[in-house]
Amino acid sequence: MPHQHDRGLAFDLATMSRRRMLAALGGAGLAVAGGGLLRTTSAEAAAACLQEVESETAGPYPADGSNGPDVRTESGIVRSDLRPSFGASNTVAAGVPLQFSLIVQDPACAPLAGAAVYAWHCDREGRYSLYSPGVTNENYLRGIQVGDDTGTVTFTSIYPACYTGRWPHIHFEVYSSLADVTSGAGPIRKTSQIALPEDVSDTVYAEADGYEQSETNMSSVSLATDMVFRDDLAAREMAVVTGDVSSGYVATLTITVDPAGEETGRPPRF
């Protein structure tokens, strides 16, 4: 990782997510400073909220109508459990259980209640439904949820694979409402990705059946070399994950999105 000179607290607050800021202050908003306890202030918290989550590529397999099929408009796509396919297939994606939540807020730290999130990711073998050989007739590991009063959407899924050249991740798009996403008309307010921690990924890939290739792939990638997260090492995209292989994992990420923003162009697809 390239060396960076200390540029002071103002720079740190402008570039760190709330989660990373709290971690830097001791994991619970506390740190030892000059023999005393330092607590984050409301001003510091507000500074963290001002930073939007990065816009990232939707990748080559979004199924949002921009590159092939549009699953967003199909009956059955609004669901919390992403593991089974819906419609003509009843195949269920196998893998270590993962429940993941996005807490969506605006730049004033207010929850975006009613905002809709379309999320998708690869299966245990690194394949994307509707696109990859062997699963073109499946639509599992894709779904839409609407934020509750706290701006939270939660999905039940499996831990995704690590495929060649990419850090383990989950794709998502944020819309202002359910109607905006299920109509296929948009607009998309944010396209981004959730990064999953290295230690958890290493454990899943080493201990769980079906992830053997992911263990090899994970050894050849880092946040610094990942084509999406390398710019800032997933500073505002790294989820907090708890759990274990036998009982499954829970992942949470708080993101800031401009409710009036609009994705007018997409980065190159990978």
C-alpha atoms as a PDB file:
ATOM      1  CA  MET A   1       0.000   0.000   0.000  1.00  0.00           C
ATOM      2  CA  PRO A   2       1.484   3.405  -0.902  1.00  0.00           C
ATOM      3  CA  HIS A   3       2.559   5.582   2.008  1.00  0.00           C
ATOM      4  CA  GLN A   4       0.309   8.530   2.812  1.00  0.00           C
ATOM      5  CA  HIS A   5       1.410  11.464   4.926  1.00  0.00           C
ATOM      6  CA  ASP A   6      -0.766  12.520   7.864  1.00  0.00           C
ATOM      7  CA  ARG A   7      -3.045  15.272   6.553  1.00  0.00           C
ATOM      8  CA  GLY A   8      -4.926  15.977   9.759  1.00  0.00           C
ATOM      9  CA  LEU A   9      -8.359  15.361  11.264  1.00  0.00           C
ATOM     10  CA  ALA A  10     -10.235  17.459   8.708  1.00  0.00           C
ATOM     11  CA  PHE A  11      -8.923  15.288   5.883  1.00  0.00           C
ATOM     12  CA  ASP A  12      -9.684  12.113   7.831  1.00  0.00           C
ATOM     13  CA  LEU A  13     -13.286  13.158   8.469  1.00  0.00           C
ATOM     14  CA  ALA A  14     -13.775  13.984   4.818  1.00  0.00           C
ATOM     15  CA  THR A  15     -12.528  10.606   3.638  1.00  0.00           C
ATOM     16  CA  MET A  16     -13.548   8.161   6.375  1.00  0.00           C
ATOM     17  CA  SER A  17     -16.935   6.533   6.751  1.00  0.00           C
ATOM     18  CA  ARG A  18     -18.726   6.673  10.107  1.00  0.00           C
ATOM     19  CA  ARG A  19     -17.812   3.032  10.691  1.00  0.00           C
ATOM     20  CA  ARG A  20     -14.119   3.540   9.920  1.00  0.00           C
ATOM     21  CA  MET A  21     -14.030   6.720  11.987  1.00  0.00           C
ATOM     22  CA  LEU A  22     -15.428   4.898  14.998  1.00  0.00           C
ATOM     23  CA  ALA A  23     -12.966   2.071  14.460  1.00  0.00           C
ATOM     24  CA  ALA A  24     -10.111   4.564  14.433  1.00  0.00           C
ATOM     25  CA  LEU A  25     -11.438   5.939  17.722  1.00  0.00           C
ATOM     26  CA  GLY A  26     -11.497   2.570  19.421  1.00  0.00           C
ATOM     27  CA  GLY A  27     -14.421   0.723  17.851  1.00  0.00           C
ATOM     28  CA  ALA A  28     -17.013   2.238  20.163  1.00  0.00           C
ATOM     29  CA  GLY A  29     -16.418   5.927  19.613  1.00  0.00           C
ATOM     30  CA  LEU A  30     -13.675   6.029  22.252  1.00  0.00           C
ATOM     31  CA  ALA A  31      -9.917   6.344  22.150  1.00  0.00           C
ATOM     32  CA  VAL A  32      -7.111   7.089  24.560  1.00  0.00           C
ATOM     33  CA  ALA A  33      -5.758  10.560  23.866  1.00  0.00           C
ATOM     34  CA  GLY A  34      -3.286  12.173  26.218  1.00  0.00           C
ATOM     35  CA  GLY A  35      -4.351   9.894  29.037  1.00  0.00           C
ATOM     36  CA  GLY A  36      -8.067  10.686  28.629  1.00  0.00           C
ATOM     37  CA  LEU A  37     -11.042   9.501  26.629  1.00  0.00           C
ATOM     38  CA  LEU A  38     -11.877  11.102  23.297  1.00  0.00           C
ATOM     39  CA  ARG A  39     -15.469  10.870  22.083  1.00  0.00           C
ATOM     40  CA  THR A  40     -16.799  11.553  18.632  1.00  0.00           C
ATOM     41  CA  THR A  41     -18.923  14.689  18.471  1.00  0.00           C
ATOM     42  CA  SER A  42     -22.135  15.350  16.601  1.00  0.00           C
ATOM     43  CA  ALA A  43     -20.142  17.595  14.265  1.00  0.00           C
ATOM     44  CA  GLU A  44     -17.783  14.730  13.453  1.00  0.00           C
ATOM     45  CA  ALA A  45     -20.693  12.409  12.843  1.00  0.00           C
ATOM     46  CA  ALA A  46     -22.305  14.968  10.541  1.00  0.00           C
ATOM     47  CA  ALA A  47     -19.036  15.347   8.627  1.00  0.00           C
ATOM     48  CA  ALA A  48     -19.016  11.595   8.003  1.00  0.00           C
ATOM     49  CA  CYS A  49     -22.630  11.679   6.780  1.00  0.00           C
ATOM     50  CA  LEU A  50     -21.768  14.287   4.174  1.00  0.00           C
ATOM     51  CA  GLN A  51     -19.656  11.786   2.270  1.00  0.00           C
ATOM     52  CA  GLU A  52     -21.687   9.818  -0.261  1.00  0.00           C
ATOM     53  CA  VAL A  53     -20.863   6.194  -0.885  1.00  0.00           C
ATOM     54  CA  GLU A  54     -18.820   5.898  -4.072  1.00  0.00           C
ATOM     55  CA  SER A  55     -20.511   5.274  -7.395  1.00  0.00           C
ATOM     56  CA  GLU A  56     -19.177   2.024  -8.834  1.00  0.00           C
ATOM     57  CA  THR A  57     -19.643  -0.106 -11.914  1.00  0.00           C
ATOM     58  CA  ALA A  58     -22.740  -2.290 -12.040  1.00  0.00           C
ATOM     59  CA  GLY A  59     -20.513  -4.917 -13.623  1.00  0.00           C
ATOM     60  CA  PRO A  60     -21.394  -6.951 -16.699  1.00  0.00           C
ATOM     61  CA  TYR A  61     -24.271  -8.850 -15.054  1.00  0.00           C
ATOM     62  CA  PRO A  62     -26.756  -6.331 -13.594  1.00  0.00           C
ATOM     63  CA  ALA A  63     -29.969  -7.654 -15.201  1.00  0.00           C
ATOM     64  CA  ASP A  64     -31.323  -4.109 -14.974  1.00  0.00           C
ATOM     65  CA  GLY A  65     -32.029  -3.748 -18.681  1.00  0.00           C
ATOM     66  CA  SER A  66     -28.792  -1.908 -19.419  1.00  0.00           C
ATOM     67  CA  ASN A  67     -26.934  -5.033 -20.460  1.00  0.00           C
ATOM     68  CA  GLY A  68     -29.254  -7.887 -21.324  1.00  0.00           C
ATOM     69  CA  PRO A  69     -32.331  -8.942 -19.312  1.00  0.00           C
ATOM     70  CA  ASP A  70     -34.280  -6.741 -16.886  1.00  0.00           C
ATOM     71  CA  VAL A  71     -35.264  -8.784 -13.849  1.00  0.00           C
ATOM     72  CA  ARG A  72     -36.443  -5.694 -11.935  1.00  0.00           C
ATOM     73  CA  THR A  73     -39.803  -5.684 -13.711  1.00  0.00           C
ATOM     74  CA  GLU A  74     -40.614  -9.365 -13.148  1.00  0.00           C
ATOM     75  CA  SER A  75     -43.210 -10.610 -10.693  1.00  0.00           C
ATOM     76  CA  GLY A  76     -41.446 -12.145  -7.695  1.00  0.00           C
ATOM     77  CA  ILE A  77     -38.371  -9.886  -7.671  1.00  0.00           C
ATOM     78  CA  VAL A  78     -39.549  -7.944  -4.597  1.00  0.00           C
ATOM     79  CA  ARG A  79     -38.429 -10.309  -1.859  1.00  0.00           C
ATOM     80  CA  SER A  80     -36.079 -10.575   1.105  1.00  0.00           C
ATOM     81  CA  ASP A  81     -34.842 -14.139   0.542  1.00  0.00           C
ATOM     82  CA  LEU A  82     -32.602 -14.150  -2.526  1.00  0.00           C
ATOM     83  CA  ARG A  83     -31.558 -17.802  -2.398  1.00  0.00           C
ATOM     84  CA  PRO A  84     -34.287 -19.410  -4.544  1.00  0.00           C
ATOM     85  CA  SER A  85     -34.990 -18.659  -8.158  1.00  0.00           C
ATOM     86  CA  PHE A  86     -38.570 -17.556  -8.841  1.00  0.00           C
ATOM     87  CA  GLY A  87     -40.924 -18.084 -11.749  1.00  0.00           C
ATOM     88  CA  ALA A  88     -40.136 -21.114 -13.902  1.00  0.00           C
ATOM     89  CA  SER A  89     -37.348 -22.463 -11.647  1.00  0.00           C
ATOM     90  CA  ASN A  90     -37.262 -23.474  -7.988  1.00  0.00           C
ATOM     91  CA  THR A  91     -33.478 -23.926  -7.747  1.00  0.00           C
ATOM     92  CA  VAL A  92     -31.996 -22.698  -4.463  1.00  0.00           C
ATOM     93  CA  ALA A  93     -28.450 -21.315  -4.378  1.00  0.00           C
ATOM     94  CA  ALA A  94     -26.267 -23.265  -1.937  1.00  0.00           C
ATOM     95  CA  GLY A  95     -23.687 -21.685   0.336  1.00  0.00           C
ATOM     96  CA  VAL A  96     -22.907 -20.287   3.773  1.00  0.00           C
ATOM     97  CA  PRO A  97     -25.917 -18.243   4.995  1.00  0.00           C
ATOM     98  CA  LEU A  98     -25.497 -14.465   4.847  1.00  0.00           C
ATOM     99  CA  GLN A  99     -27.990 -11.845   5.952  1.00  0.00           C
ATOM    100  CA  PHE A 100     -26.966  -8.414   4.741  1.00  0.00           C
ATOM    101  CA  SER A 101     -28.472  -5.014   5.452  1.00  0.00           C
ATOM    102  CA  LEU A 102     -27.998  -1.582   3.943  1.00  0.00           C
ATOM    103  CA  ILE A 103     -28.940   1.449   6.043  1.00  0.00           C
ATOM    104  CA  VAL A 104     -29.575   4.251   3.559  1.00  0.00           C
ATOM    105  CA  GLN A 105     -29.396   7.864   4.699  1.00  0.00           C
ATOM    106  CA  ASP A 106     -29.176  11.306   3.119  1.00  0.00           C
ATOM    107  CA  PRO A 107     -26.289  13.792   3.560  1.00  0.00           C
ATOM    108  CA  ALA A 108     -28.022  15.227   6.649  1.00  0.00           C
ATOM    109  CA  CYS A 109     -27.947  11.762   8.287  1.00  0.00           C
ATOM    110  CA  ALA A 110     -31.721  11.377   7.916  1.00  0.00           C
ATOM    111  CA  PRO A 111     -32.947   7.897   6.921  1.00  0.00           C
ATOM    112  CA  LEU A 112     -34.246   7.509   3.374  1.00  0.00           C
ATOM    113  CA  ALA A 113     -37.426   5.676   4.345  1.00  0.00           C
ATOM    114  CA  GLY A 114     -39.193   4.277   1.302  1.00  0.00           C
ATOM    115  CA  ALA A 115     -36.096   4.181  -0.873  1.00  0.00           C
ATOM    116  CA  ALA A 116     -35.785   0.900  -2.782  1.00  0.00           C
ATOM    117  CA  VAL A 117     -32.634  -1.180  -3.194  1.00  0.00           C
ATOM    118  CA  TYR A 118     -32.009  -3.729  -5.929  1.00  0.00           C
ATOM    119  CA  ALA A 119     -29.190  -6.080  -4.853  1.00  0.00           C
ATOM    120  CA  TRP A 120     -27.434  -8.937  -6.663  1.00  0.00           C
ATOM    121  CA  HIS A 121     -24.266 -11.007  -6.398  1.00  0.00           C
ATOM    122  CA  CYS A 122     -22.589 -14.165  -7.637  1.00  0.00           C
ATOM    123  CA  ASP A 123     -23.175 -17.664  -6.290  1.00  0.00           C
ATOM    124  CA  ARG A 124     -20.802 -20.022  -4.490  1.00  0.00           C
ATOM    125  CA  GLU A 125     -19.176 -20.945  -7.782  1.00  0.00           C
ATOM    126  CA  GLY A 126     -18.705 -17.307  -8.860  1.00  0.00           C
ATOM    127  CA  ARG A 127     -21.556 -17.415 -11.395  1.00  0.00           C
ATOM    128  CA  TYR A 128     -24.186 -14.723 -11.963  1.00  0.00           C
ATOM    129  CA  SER A 129     -27.734 -15.917 -12.628  1.00  0.00           C
ATOM    130  CA  LEU A 130     -29.230 -15.023 -16.033  1.00  0.00           C
ATOM    131  CA  TYR A 131     -25.734 -14.652 -17.544  1.00  0.00           C
ATOM    132  CA  SER A 132     -23.170 -17.294 -16.585  1.00  0.00           C
ATOM    133  CA  PRO A 133     -23.007 -20.713 -18.283  1.00  0.00           C
ATOM    134  CA  GLY A 134     -25.059 -23.217 -16.333  1.00  0.00           C
ATOM    135  CA  VAL A 135     -27.306 -20.631 -14.642  1.00  0.00           C
ATOM    136  CA  THR A 136     -28.771 -18.639 -17.538  1.00  0.00           C
ATOM    137  CA  ASN A 137     -32.213 -20.042 -16.674  1.00  0.00           C
ATOM    138  CA  GLU A 138     -31.896 -19.077 -13.011  1.00  0.00           C
ATOM    139  CA  ASN A 139     -32.629 -15.717 -11.366  1.00  0.00           C
ATOM    140  CA  TYR A 140     -31.472 -16.432  -7.836  1.00  0.00           C
ATOM    141  CA  LEU A 141     -29.361 -14.048  -5.733  1.00  0.00           C
ATOM    142  CA  ARG A 142     -31.254 -11.015  -7.040  1.00  0.00           C
ATOM    143  CA  GLY A 143     -33.982  -9.045  -5.303  1.00  0.00           C
ATOM    144  CA  ILE A 144     -35.537  -5.743  -4.312  1.00  0.00           C
ATOM    145  CA  GLN A 145     -36.495  -4.412  -0.894  1.00  0.00           C
ATOM    146  CA  VAL A 146     -37.935  -1.087   0.336  1.00  0.00           C
ATOM    147  CA  GLY A 147     -36.365   0.796   3.239  1.00  0.00           C
ATOM    148  CA  ASP A 148     -38.245   0.920   6.542  1.00  0.00           C
ATOM    149  CA  ASP A 149     -38.534   3.994   8.773  1.00  0.00           C
ATOM    150  CA  THR A 150     -34.812   3.726   9.560  1.00  0.00           C
ATOM    151  CA  GLY A 151     -33.853   3.457   5.886  1.00  0.00           C
ATOM    152  CA  THR A 152     -32.898  -0.197   6.354  1.00  0.00           C
ATOM    153  CA  VAL A 153     -33.274  -2.966   3.784  1.00  0.00           C
ATOM    154  CA  THR A 154     -32.352  -6.540   4.694  1.00  0.00           C
ATOM    155  CA  PHE A 155     -31.768  -9.555   2.457  1.00  0.00           C
ATOM    156  CA  THR A 156     -31.243 -13.241   3.249  1.00  0.00           C
ATOM    157  CA  SER A 157     -28.683 -14.778   0.933  1.00  0.00           C
ATOM    158  CA  ILE A 158     -25.443 -16.753   0.811  1.00  0.00           C
ATOM    159  CA  TYR A 159     -21.840 -15.679   1.103  1.00  0.00           C
ATOM    160  CA  PRO A 160     -20.651 -14.845  -2.436  1.00  0.00           C
ATOM    161  CA  ALA A 161     -17.583 -16.385  -4.044  1.00  0.00           C
ATOM    162  CA  CYS A 162     -14.310 -14.656  -4.753  1.00  0.00           C
ATOM    163  CA  TYR A 163     -13.817 -14.936  -8.486  1.00  0.00           C
ATOM    164  CA  THR A 164     -10.671 -14.145 -10.464  1.00  0.00           C
ATOM    165  CA  GLY A 165      -9.523 -10.539 -10.176  1.00  0.00           C
ATOM    166  CA  ARG A 166     -12.248  -9.279  -7.825  1.00  0.00           C
ATOM    167  CA  TRP A 167     -12.535  -8.789  -4.085  1.00  0.00           C
ATOM    168  CA  PRO A 168     -15.663 -10.448  -2.566  1.00  0.00           C
ATOM    169  CA  HIS A 169     -18.567  -8.049  -3.074  1.00  0.00           C
ATOM    170  CA  ILE A 170     -22.295  -7.446  -3.491  1.00  0.00           C
ATOM    171  CA  HIS A 171     -23.762  -5.082  -6.094  1.00  0.00           C
ATOM    172  CA  PHE A 172     -26.638  -2.697  -5.427  1.00  0.00           C
ATOM    173  CA  GLU A 173     -28.653   0.128  -6.956  1.00  0.00           C
ATOM    174  CA  VAL A 174     -30.669   2.656  -4.933  1.00  0.00           C
ATOM    175  CA  TYR A 175     -33.959   4.131  -6.191  1.00  0.00           C
ATOM    176  CA  SER A 176     -36.296   6.709  -4.678  1.00  0.00           C
ATOM    177  CA  SER A 177     -39.243   4.327  -4.581  1.00  0.00           C
ATOM    178  CA  LEU A 178     -40.453   0.836  -5.347  1.00  0.00           C
ATOM    179  CA  ALA A 179     -42.325   2.156  -8.378  1.00  0.00           C
ATOM    180  CA  ASP A 180     -39.136   3.659  -9.797  1.00  0.00           C
ATOM    181  CA  VAL A 181     -37.279   0.358  -9.709  1.00  0.00           C
ATOM    182  CA  THR A 182     -40.018  -2.112 -10.629  1.00  0.00           C
ATOM    183  CA  SER A 183     -41.205   0.009 -13.548  1.00  0.00           C
ATOM    184  CA  GLY A 184     -37.721  -0.185 -15.016  1.00  0.00           C
ATOM    185  CA  ALA A 185     -37.865   3.569 -15.582  1.00  0.00           C
ATOM    186  CA  GLY A 186     -35.625   4.707 -12.725  1.00  0.00           C
ATOM    187  CA  PRO A 187     -33.896   6.994 -12.190  1.00  0.00           C
ATOM    188  CA  ILE A 188     -31.059   5.224 -10.384  1.00  0.00           C
ATOM    189  CA  ARG A 189     -29.899   7.393  -7.482  1.00  0.00           C
ATOM    190  CA  LYS A 190     -26.767   5.361  -6.747  1.00  0.00           C
ATOM    191  CA  THR A 191     -24.949   2.331  -8.137  1.00  0.00           C
ATOM    192  CA  SER A 192     -22.318   0.901  -5.819  1.00  0.00           C
ATOM    193  CA  GLN A 193     -20.954  -2.231  -4.147  1.00  0.00           C
ATOM    194  CA  ILE A 194     -20.562  -3.733  -0.680  1.00  0.00           C
ATOM    195  CA  ALA A 195     -17.100  -5.080   0.136  1.00  0.00           C
ATOM    196  CA  LEU A 196     -16.774  -8.049   2.503  1.00  0.00           C
ATOM    197  CA  PRO A 197     -13.934  -8.275   5.072  1.00  0.00           C
ATOM    198  CA  GLU A 198     -10.801 -10.261   4.369  1.00  0.00           C
ATOM    199  CA  ASP A 199     -10.729 -12.244   7.615  1.00  0.00           C
ATOM    200  CA  VAL A 200     -14.334 -13.414   7.267  1.00  0.00           C
ATOM    201  CA  SER A 201     -13.886 -14.261   3.591  1.00  0.00           C
ATOM    202  CA  ASP A 202     -10.716 -16.231   4.307  1.00  0.00           C
ATOM    203  CA  THR A 203     -12.551 -18.258   6.955  1.00  0.00           C
ATOM    204  CA  VAL A 204     -15.558 -19.008   4.737  1.00  0.00           C
ATOM    205  CA  TYR A 205     -13.437 -20.039   1.791  1.00  0.00           C
ATOM    206  CA  ALA A 206     -11.139 -22.243   3.887  1.00  0.00           C
ATOM    207  CA  GLU A 207     -13.816 -24.007   5.935  1.00  0.00           C
ATOM    208  CA  ALA A 208     -17.019 -24.215   3.868  1.00  0.00           C
ATOM    209  CA  ASP A 209     -17.789 -26.755   1.177  1.00  0.00           C
ATOM    210  CA  GLY A 210     -17.996 -25.490  -2.379  1.00  0.00           C
ATOM    211  CA  TYR A 211     -15.715 -22.471  -1.976  1.00  0.00           C
ATOM    212  CA  GLU A 212     -12.420 -24.176  -2.796  1.00  0.00           C
ATOM    213  CA  GLN A 213     -11.728 -22.066  -5.893  1.00  0.00           C
ATOM    214  CA  SER A 214     -12.537 -18.921  -3.939  1.00  0.00           C
ATOM    215  CA  GLU A 215      -9.779 -19.740  -1.456  1.00  0.00           C
ATOM    216  CA  THR A 216      -7.271 -19.825  -4.326  1.00  0.00           C
ATOM    217  CA  ASN A 217      -8.656 -16.660  -5.931  1.00  0.00           C
ATOM    218  CA  MET A 218      -8.658 -14.758  -2.621  1.00  0.00           C
ATOM    219  CA  SER A 219      -4.942 -15.389  -2.209  1.00  0.00           C
ATOM    220  CA  SER A 220      -4.289 -13.522  -5.460  1.00  0.00           C
ATOM    221  CA  VAL A 221      -6.304 -10.332  -4.869  1.00  0.00           C
ATOM    222  CA  SER A 222      -6.166  -7.430  -2.428  1.00  0.00           C
ATOM    223  CA  LEU A 223      -8.117  -4.232  -1.902  1.00  0.00           C
ATOM    224  CA  ALA A 224      -5.122  -2.386  -3.323  1.00  0.00           C
ATOM    225  CA  THR A 225      -5.274  -4.361  -6.581  1.00  0.00           C
ATOM    226  CA  ASP A 226      -9.049  -4.719  -6.913  1.00  0.00           C
ATOM    227  CA  MET A 227     -10.235  -2.730  -9.944  1.00  0.00           C
ATOM    228  CA  VAL A 228     -13.193  -1.269  -8.031  1.00  0.00           C
ATOM    229  CA  PHE A 229     -12.059  -0.784  -4.430  1.00  0.00           C
ATOM    230  CA  ARG A 230      -8.407   0.146  -4.995  1.00  0.00           C
ATOM    231  CA  ASP A 231      -9.012   3.910  -5.161  1.00  0.00           C
ATOM    232  CA  ASP A 232      -9.780   4.220  -1.443  1.00  0.00           C
ATOM    233  CA  LEU A 233      -9.612   0.619  -0.182  1.00  0.00           C
ATOM    234  CA  ALA A 234     -13.417   0.457   0.173  1.00  0.00           C
ATOM    235  CA  ALA A 235     -13.403   3.189   2.818  1.00  0.00           C
ATOM    236  CA  ARG A 236     -17.178   3.732   2.628  1.00  0.00           C
ATOM    237  CA  GLU A 237     -18.119   0.313   1.244  1.00  0.00           C
ATOM    238  CA  MET A 238     -16.708  -2.212   3.723  1.00  0.00           C
ATOM    239  CA  ALA A 239     -19.440  -4.001   5.661  1.00  0.00           C
ATOM    240  CA  VAL A 240     -19.277  -4.891   9.338  1.00  0.00           C
ATOM    241  CA  VAL A 241     -19.726  -8.678   9.513  1.00  0.00           C
ATOM    242  CA  THR A 242     -20.335 -10.978  12.485  1.00  0.00           C
ATOM    243  CA  GLY A 243     -21.053 -14.697  12.782  1.00  0.00           C
ATOM    244  CA  ASP A 244     -19.425 -17.986  11.851  1.00  0.00           C
ATOM    245  CA  VAL A 245     -19.474 -20.621   9.134  1.00  0.00           C
ATOM    246  CA  SER A 246     -21.794 -23.025  10.937  1.00  0.00           C
ATOM    247  CA  SER A 247     -24.532 -20.542  11.868  1.00  0.00           C
ATOM    248  CA  GLY A 248     -24.010 -18.018   9.094  1.00  0.00           C
ATOM    249  CA  TYR A 249     -23.078 -14.346   8.968  1.00  0.00           C
ATOM    250  CA  VAL A 250     -24.744 -10.964   9.364  1.00  0.00           C
ATOM    251  CA  ALA A 251     -23.372  -7.991   7.394  1.00  0.00           C
ATOM    252  CA  THR A 252     -24.327  -4.336   7.788  1.00  0.00           C
ATOM    253  CA  LEU A 253     -23.299  -1.202   5.909  1.00  0.00           C
ATOM    254  CA  THR A 254     -24.539   2.360   6.400  1.00  0.00           C
ATOM    255  CA  ILE A 255     -24.394   4.455   3.246  1.00  0.00           C
ATOM    256  CA  THR A 256     -25.117   8.067   2.340  1.00  0.00           C
ATOM    257  CA  VAL A 257     -26.986   8.751  -0.896  1.00  0.00           C
ATOM    258  CA  ASP A 258     -28.121  12.050  -2.381  1.00  0.00           C
ATOM    259  CA  PRO A 259     -31.895  11.531  -2.869  1.00  0.00           C
ATOM    260  CA  ALA A 260     -31.828  14.032  -5.750  1.00  0.00           C
ATOM    261  CA  GLY A 261     -28.764  12.524  -7.392  1.00  0.00           C
ATOM    262  CA  GLU A 262     -28.921  10.589 -10.618  1.00  0.00           C
ATOM    263  CA  GLU A 263     -26.547   8.157 -12.249  1.00  0.00           C
ATOM    264  CA  THR A 264     -26.168   9.726 -15.677  1.00  0.00           C
ATOM    265  CA  GLY A 265     -23.388   7.470 -16.878  1.00  0.00           C
ATOM    266  CA  ARG A 266     -21.832   4.190 -15.864  1.00  0.00           C
ATOM    267  CA  PRO A 267     -18.147   3.491 -15.306  1.00  0.00           C
ATOM    268  CA  PRO A 268     -16.598   0.805 -17.528  1.00  0.00           C
ATOM    269  CA  ARG A 269     -18.126  -2.605 -16.843  1.00  0.00           C
ATOM    270  CA  PHE A 270     -16.121  -5.357 -15.153  1.00  0.00           C
END
